[in-house]
């Protein structure tokens, strides 16, 4: 039995029958001419192209998804020149314009002088595997999104805020840009729950979250539920004046909702108290100190009668 595909055209019928009975597609390319010496007839069933239409590597490259072509061809050529066996996954084109995921497993054959003589390998249909991998990836992404989402309001949760703050803090340190933080607390929310009950209280939290979310105008602005009836808004590359304007927009938008709150000492409708802070962090500054400073301003806004902003 031959060790390569050299004798397939010479008539080793048993070996050829074995190769052509598998769903894997055997092939051989002459390295000097970059032409196919052989490709299995299974290629017609898998991709739809006639067996004799596979003349050279241009046919292989041109029947590849444009997004995969440069990466795969460059990788395979480089590995082949280096004499290294390799594998490559890519989407192969059918005559109908559809794509099938292929894994090419390639062995480099050298001559007695150690020079690359030919490439032999197998093509495998991995479409189903790729589909399963994609579904698994999407499931993992969904689970990750759920782990970073507040189950009640649908906005980001405290965990996501902590990660986002760390990233934005590092970016602000590196580029010496201001970072603003807005901390928001619903006024007398315990009393709201006492009057209306927790089911209506949950509905109120959802409405507040949706309203606050509409106040963040830029794609980089970030809103999260900090815990209980507290919310936080992170504004990268934003000075204190601009942050104060966003905070005032938040306060007005909530007030305009006219959510009845007869137990509030601040207003007959639901209101919020807000603390605003801005900082351009130095290398040794800590984000936790920044949060504490803004939280103190939020406390001051409550001390000043609520439904106001302290910056």
Protein backbone atom coordinates (compact mmCIF):
# COMPACT_ATOMS: atom_id res chain seq x y z
CA UNK A 1 0.00 0.00 0.00
CA UNK A 2 1.47 3.40 -0.93
CA UNK A 3 2.30 5.85 1.84
CA UNK A 4 0.97 8.87 -0.06
CA UNK A 5 -1.43 9.52 -2.91
CA UNK A 6 1.30 9.17 -5.51
CA UNK A 7 -0.03 5.96 -7.02
CA UNK A 8 -3.72 6.79 -7.11
CA UNK A 9 -3.56 7.58 -10.79
CA UNK A 10 -1.33 4.57 -11.29
CA UNK A 11 -3.97 2.05 -10.23
CA UNK A 12 -3.82 0.95 -6.59
CA UNK A 13 -7.51 0.16 -6.74
CA UNK A 14 -7.89 -1.09 -3.16
CA UNK A 15 -6.33 2.00 -1.64
CA UNK A 16 -8.26 4.24 -3.99
CA UNK A 17 -11.53 2.49 -3.14
CA UNK A 18 -10.90 2.92 0.59
CA UNK A 19 -10.13 6.62 0.15
CA UNK A 20 -13.16 7.24 -1.99
CA UNK A 21 -15.54 5.37 0.29
CA UNK A 22 -15.00 7.77 3.18
CA UNK A 23 -16.84 11.05 3.53
CA UNK A 24 -13.50 12.78 3.99
CA UNK A 25 -12.21 14.09 0.66
CA UNK A 26 -8.61 13.12 -0.17
CA UNK A 27 -6.51 15.35 -2.36
CA UNK A 28 -2.94 15.89 -3.51
CA UNK A 29 -1.23 19.00 -4.88
CA UNK A 30 2.09 19.08 -6.72
CA UNK A 31 4.08 21.85 -5.01
CA UNK A 32 6.14 22.85 -8.05
CA UNK A 33 3.15 23.42 -10.34
CA UNK A 34 0.57 24.11 -7.61
CA UNK A 35 -1.88 21.87 -9.44
CA UNK A 36 -4.09 19.08 -8.19
CA UNK A 37 -2.68 15.65 -8.90
CA UNK A 38 -5.82 14.16 -7.43
CA UNK A 39 -9.01 15.05 -5.61
CA UNK A 40 -11.63 12.55 -4.50
CA UNK A 41 -14.94 12.27 -6.34
CA UNK A 42 -16.74 12.96 -3.03
CA UNK A 43 -16.03 16.64 -3.73
CA UNK A 44 -18.96 16.69 -6.15
CA UNK A 45 -21.43 15.49 -3.52
CA UNK A 46 -20.10 17.83 -0.86
CA UNK A 47 -19.56 21.08 -2.76
CA UNK A 48 -21.21 20.49 -6.11
CA UNK A 49 -18.15 21.23 -8.24
CA UNK A 50 -17.12 18.62 -10.81
CA UNK A 51 -14.08 16.57 -9.88
CA UNK A 52 -12.18 17.62 -12.99
CA UNK A 53 -12.82 21.34 -12.30
CA UNK A 54 -10.21 21.31 -9.52
CA UNK A 55 -7.14 22.12 -11.57
CA UNK A 56 -4.93 24.26 -9.31
CA UNK A 57 -4.86 26.16 -6.04
CA UNK A 58 -6.58 29.12 -7.67
CA UNK A 59 -9.71 26.96 -7.93
CA UNK A 60 -9.38 26.16 -4.24
CA UNK A 61 -8.83 29.81 -3.26
CA UNK A 62 -11.55 31.26 -5.49
CA UNK A 63 -14.11 28.81 -4.10
CA UNK A 64 -13.62 30.17 -0.62
CA UNK A 65 -15.59 32.81 1.26
CA UNK A 66 -14.00 36.25 0.59
CA UNK A 67 -13.78 36.92 4.33
CA UNK A 68 -11.74 33.74 4.84
CA UNK A 69 -9.65 33.74 1.68
CA UNK A 70 -6.70 35.98 2.52
CA UNK A 71 -6.27 34.60 6.02
CA UNK A 72 -6.48 30.94 5.03
CA UNK A 73 -4.43 31.13 1.83
CA UNK A 74 -1.63 33.12 3.48
CA UNK A 75 -1.55 30.76 6.44
CA UNK A 76 -1.53 27.58 4.34
CA UNK A 77 1.11 28.85 1.92
CA UNK A 78 3.37 30.00 4.76
CA UNK A 79 3.02 26.70 6.61
CA UNK A 80 3.61 24.71 3.43
CA UNK A 81 6.73 26.68 2.55
CA UNK A 82 8.02 26.01 6.05
CA UNK A 83 7.33 22.32 5.60
CA UNK A 84 4.91 22.24 8.53
CA UNK A 85 1.78 20.10 8.65
CA UNK A 86 -1.28 22.20 9.41
CA UNK A 87 -5.05 22.54 9.54
CA UNK A 88 -7.38 25.29 8.37
CA UNK A 89 -11.10 25.95 8.76
CA UNK A 90 -12.94 28.01 6.15
CA UNK A 91 -16.22 28.39 4.30
CA UNK A 92 -16.22 26.80 0.84
CA UNK A 93 -18.50 28.02 -1.94
CA UNK A 94 -20.99 25.83 -3.80
CA UNK A 95 -22.12 26.54 -7.41
CA UNK A 96 -25.47 27.67 -5.94
CA UNK A 97 -23.76 30.42 -3.96
CA UNK A 98 -24.06 28.73 -0.57
CA UNK A 99 -21.21 28.05 1.83
CA UNK A 100 -20.16 24.90 3.66
CA UNK A 101 -17.66 24.85 6.51
CA UNK A 102 -14.56 22.82 5.62
CA UNK A 103 -11.60 21.69 7.68
CA UNK A 104 -8.50 20.99 5.58
CA UNK A 105 -5.91 18.75 7.23
CA UNK A 106 -2.63 19.06 5.34
CA UNK A 107 0.54 16.96 5.39
CA UNK A 108 3.68 18.28 3.68
CA UNK A 109 5.68 15.70 1.72
CA UNK A 110 9.40 16.29 1.21
CA UNK A 111 11.78 14.70 -1.29
CA UNK A 112 15.10 13.06 -0.45
CA UNK A 113 16.76 16.49 -0.42
CA UNK A 114 14.33 17.78 2.18
CA UNK A 115 12.56 20.07 -0.28
CA UNK A 116 8.77 20.35 -0.33
CA UNK A 117 7.54 18.03 -3.05
CA UNK A 118 3.80 17.87 -2.59
CA UNK A 119 0.90 18.44 -0.24
CA UNK A 120 -1.59 15.75 0.61
CA UNK A 121 -4.60 16.04 2.82
CA UNK A 122 -8.25 15.56 3.55
CA UNK A 123 -11.21 17.92 3.48
CA UNK A 124 -13.84 17.36 6.16
CA UNK A 125 -17.36 18.80 6.27
CA UNK A 126 -17.57 20.52 9.68
CA UNK A 127 -20.72 22.56 8.99
CA UNK A 128 -22.75 20.84 11.70
CA UNK A 129 -19.91 21.22 14.19
CA UNK A 130 -19.58 24.92 13.41
CA UNK A 131 -23.33 25.35 13.77
CA UNK A 132 -23.22 23.71 17.20
CA UNK A 133 -20.21 25.82 18.19
CA UNK A 134 -22.04 28.99 17.14
CA UNK A 135 -25.15 28.01 19.06
CA UNK A 136 -23.01 27.28 22.13
CA UNK A 137 -21.23 30.61 21.75
CA UNK A 138 -24.54 32.45 21.49
CA UNK A 139 -25.79 30.64 24.59
CA UNK A 140 -22.64 31.60 26.48
CA UNK A 141 -23.05 35.21 25.38
CA UNK A 142 -26.68 35.20 26.50
CA UNK A 143 -25.72 33.77 29.88
CA UNK A 144 -22.98 36.37 30.23
CA UNK A 145 -25.41 39.16 29.35
CA UNK A 146 -27.86 37.83 31.93
CA UNK A 147 -25.13 37.76 34.58
CA UNK A 148 -24.47 41.46 33.93
CA UNK A 149 -28.13 42.49 33.72
CA UNK A 150 -30.40 43.54 36.55
CA UNK A 151 -33.21 41.00 36.50
CA UNK A 152 -35.92 43.48 37.52
CA UNK A 153 -35.17 46.60 35.47
CA UNK A 154 -33.31 45.09 32.52
CA UNK A 155 -30.44 47.59 32.75
CA UNK A 156 -26.88 46.77 33.84
CA UNK A 157 -26.39 45.50 37.37
CA UNK A 158 -23.82 46.33 40.06
CA UNK A 159 -21.41 43.69 38.78
CA UNK A 160 -21.41 45.22 35.32
CA UNK A 161 -20.99 48.68 36.79
CA UNK A 162 -17.93 47.59 38.75
CA UNK A 163 -16.31 46.18 35.60
CA UNK A 164 -17.21 49.20 33.50
CA UNK A 165 -15.93 51.61 36.15
CA UNK A 166 -12.62 49.78 36.32
CA UNK A 167 -12.21 50.00 32.55
CA UNK A 168 -13.25 53.67 32.29
CA UNK A 169 -11.10 54.60 35.29
CA UNK A 170 -8.02 53.03 33.69
CA UNK A 171 -8.78 54.77 30.40
CA UNK A 172 -9.21 58.13 32.15
CA UNK A 173 -5.90 57.62 34.00
CA UNK A 174 -4.08 56.70 30.81
CA UNK A 175 -5.39 59.61 28.73
CA UNK A 176 -5.87 62.10 31.56
CA UNK A 177 -9.50 62.67 30.69
CA UNK A 178 -12.29 63.63 33.12
CA UNK A 179 -14.66 60.92 34.26
CA UNK A 180 -18.03 61.88 35.73
CA UNK A 181 -20.28 59.84 37.98
CA UNK A 182 -23.93 60.51 38.82
CA UNK A 183 -25.49 58.72 41.79
CA UNK A 184 -29.28 58.73 41.99
CA UNK A 185 -31.64 57.73 44.78
CA UNK A 186 -35.44 57.62 44.64
CA UNK A 187 -36.81 59.83 47.40
CA UNK A 188 -38.78 58.09 50.17
CA UNK A 189 -39.02 54.85 48.23
CA UNK A 190 -39.60 52.78 51.38
CA UNK A 191 -42.74 54.79 52.02
CA UNK A 192 -43.79 54.23 48.40
CA UNK A 193 -43.55 50.46 48.93
CA UNK A 194 -45.40 50.74 52.23
CA UNK A 195 -48.36 52.41 50.53
CA UNK A 196 -48.50 50.60 47.19
CA UNK A 197 -46.79 47.28 47.93
CA UNK A 198 -43.72 45.69 46.41
CA UNK A 199 -45.34 44.67 43.12
CA UNK A 200 -46.16 48.27 42.27
CA UNK A 201 -42.81 49.27 43.75
CA UNK A 202 -41.08 46.97 41.25
CA UNK A 203 -43.08 48.53 38.41
CA UNK A 204 -41.98 51.94 39.63
CA UNK A 205 -38.31 50.88 39.61
CA UNK A 206 -38.67 49.64 36.04
CA UNK A 207 -40.20 52.94 34.92
CA UNK A 208 -37.48 54.95 36.66
CA UNK A 209 -34.79 52.82 34.99
CA UNK A 210 -36.35 53.30 31.55
CA UNK A 211 -36.65 57.04 32.10
CA UNK A 212 -33.06 57.42 33.29
CA UNK A 213 -31.85 55.33 30.39
CA UNK A 214 -33.38 57.83 27.97
CA UNK A 215 -31.36 60.63 29.60
CA UNK A 216 -28.00 59.17 28.57
CA UNK A 217 -27.56 60.65 25.10
CA UNK A 218 -24.15 59.30 24.03
CA UNK A 219 -23.26 55.73 23.23
CA UNK A 220 -20.48 55.78 25.83
CA UNK A 221 -22.76 56.84 28.69
CA UNK A 222 -23.55 53.98 31.04
CA UNK A 223 -26.46 53.42 33.43
CA UNK A 224 -26.73 50.70 36.06
CA UNK A 225 -28.82 49.78 39.06
CA UNK A 226 -26.50 50.24 42.02
CA UNK A 227 -28.77 48.45 44.46
CA UNK A 228 -32.26 48.85 45.90
CA UNK A 229 -33.62 52.20 44.70
CA UNK A 230 -30.19 53.59 43.77
CA UNK A 231 -28.90 54.06 40.23
CA UNK A 232 -25.54 55.19 38.88
CA UNK A 233 -24.60 56.81 35.60
CA UNK A 234 -21.03 56.81 34.30
CA UNK A 235 -20.06 59.52 31.80
CA UNK A 236 -16.60 59.12 30.24
CA UNK A 237 -14.75 62.18 28.94
CA UNK A 238 -17.34 64.45 30.56
CA UNK A 239 -16.64 67.54 32.67
CA UNK A 240 -18.65 68.53 35.72
CA UNK A 241 -20.81 71.12 33.97
CA UNK A 242 -21.87 68.64 31.29
CA UNK A 243 -22.51 65.96 33.92
CA UNK A 244 -24.65 68.40 35.93
CA UNK A 245 -26.77 69.03 32.83
CA UNK A 246 -27.33 65.29 32.41
CA UNK A 247 -28.24 65.04 36.10
CA UNK A 248 -30.76 67.86 35.78
CA UNK A 249 -32.24 66.19 32.71
CA UNK A 250 -32.64 63.01 34.78
CA UNK A 251 -34.36 64.90 37.60
CA UNK A 252 -36.77 66.67 35.25
CA UNK A 253 -37.60 63.53 33.29
CA UNK A 254 -38.51 61.64 36.45
CA UNK A 255 -40.59 64.57 37.70
CA UNK A 256 -42.43 64.75 34.37
CA UNK A 257 -43.54 61.15 34.78
CA UNK A 258 -45.87 62.44 37.54
CA UNK A 259 -45.82 59.15 39.43
CA UNK A 260 -48.05 59.72 42.48
CA UNK A 261 -46.23 59.52 45.82
CA UNK A 262 -48.48 60.88 48.59
CA UNK A 263 -46.14 59.65 51.35
CA UNK A 264 -43.19 61.72 50.11
CA UNK A 265 -42.11 64.73 52.12
CA UNK A 266 -40.39 66.15 49.03
CA UNK A 267 -43.31 66.27 46.58
CA UNK A 268 -46.69 64.80 45.81
CA UNK A 269 -45.08 62.91 42.93
CA UNK A 270 -42.01 60.68 42.77
CA UNK A 271 -38.69 62.56 42.79
CA UNK A 272 -35.00 61.71 42.90
CA UNK A 273 -31.97 63.06 44.74
CA UNK A 274 -28.66 63.24 42.87
CA UNK A 275 -24.97 63.50 43.64
CA UNK A 276 -22.55 64.43 40.85
CA UNK A 277 -18.79 64.16 40.79
CA UNK A 278 -16.04 64.55 38.21
CA UNK A 279 -12.44 63.47 38.50
CA UNK A 280 -9.38 63.13 36.29
CA UNK A 281 -7.63 60.29 38.09
CA UNK A 282 -3.91 60.31 38.81
CA UNK A 283 -1.96 57.08 38.75
CA UNK A 284 -2.32 56.45 42.49
CA UNK A 285 -5.99 57.46 42.78
CA UNK A 286 -8.58 54.80 43.64
CA UNK A 287 -11.99 54.47 42.01
CA UNK A 288 -13.51 53.48 45.37
CA UNK A 289 -12.58 56.89 46.80
CA UNK A 290 -14.31 58.54 43.86
CA UNK A 291 -17.52 56.58 44.51
CA UNK A 292 -17.44 57.52 48.19
CA UNK A 293 -16.99 61.19 47.35
CA UNK A 294 -20.00 61.19 45.00
CA UNK A 295 -22.03 59.18 47.49
CA UNK A 296 -21.41 61.91 50.08
CA UNK A 297 -22.82 64.44 47.64
CA UNK A 298 -25.89 62.26 47.17
CA UNK A 299 -26.32 62.23 50.96
CA UNK A 300 -25.99 66.01 51.00
CA UNK A 301 -28.76 66.32 48.42
CA UNK A 302 -31.02 64.35 50.74
CA UNK A 303 -30.04 66.56 53.67
CA UNK A 304 -30.95 69.63 51.61
CA UNK A 305 -34.55 68.51 51.16
CA UNK A 306 -34.26 65.96 48.32
CA UNK A 307 -35.39 66.43 44.69
CA UNK A 308 -32.16 68.33 44.08
CA UNK A 309 -28.60 67.95 42.82
CA UNK A 310 -25.32 68.40 44.71
CA UNK A 311 -22.16 68.57 42.63
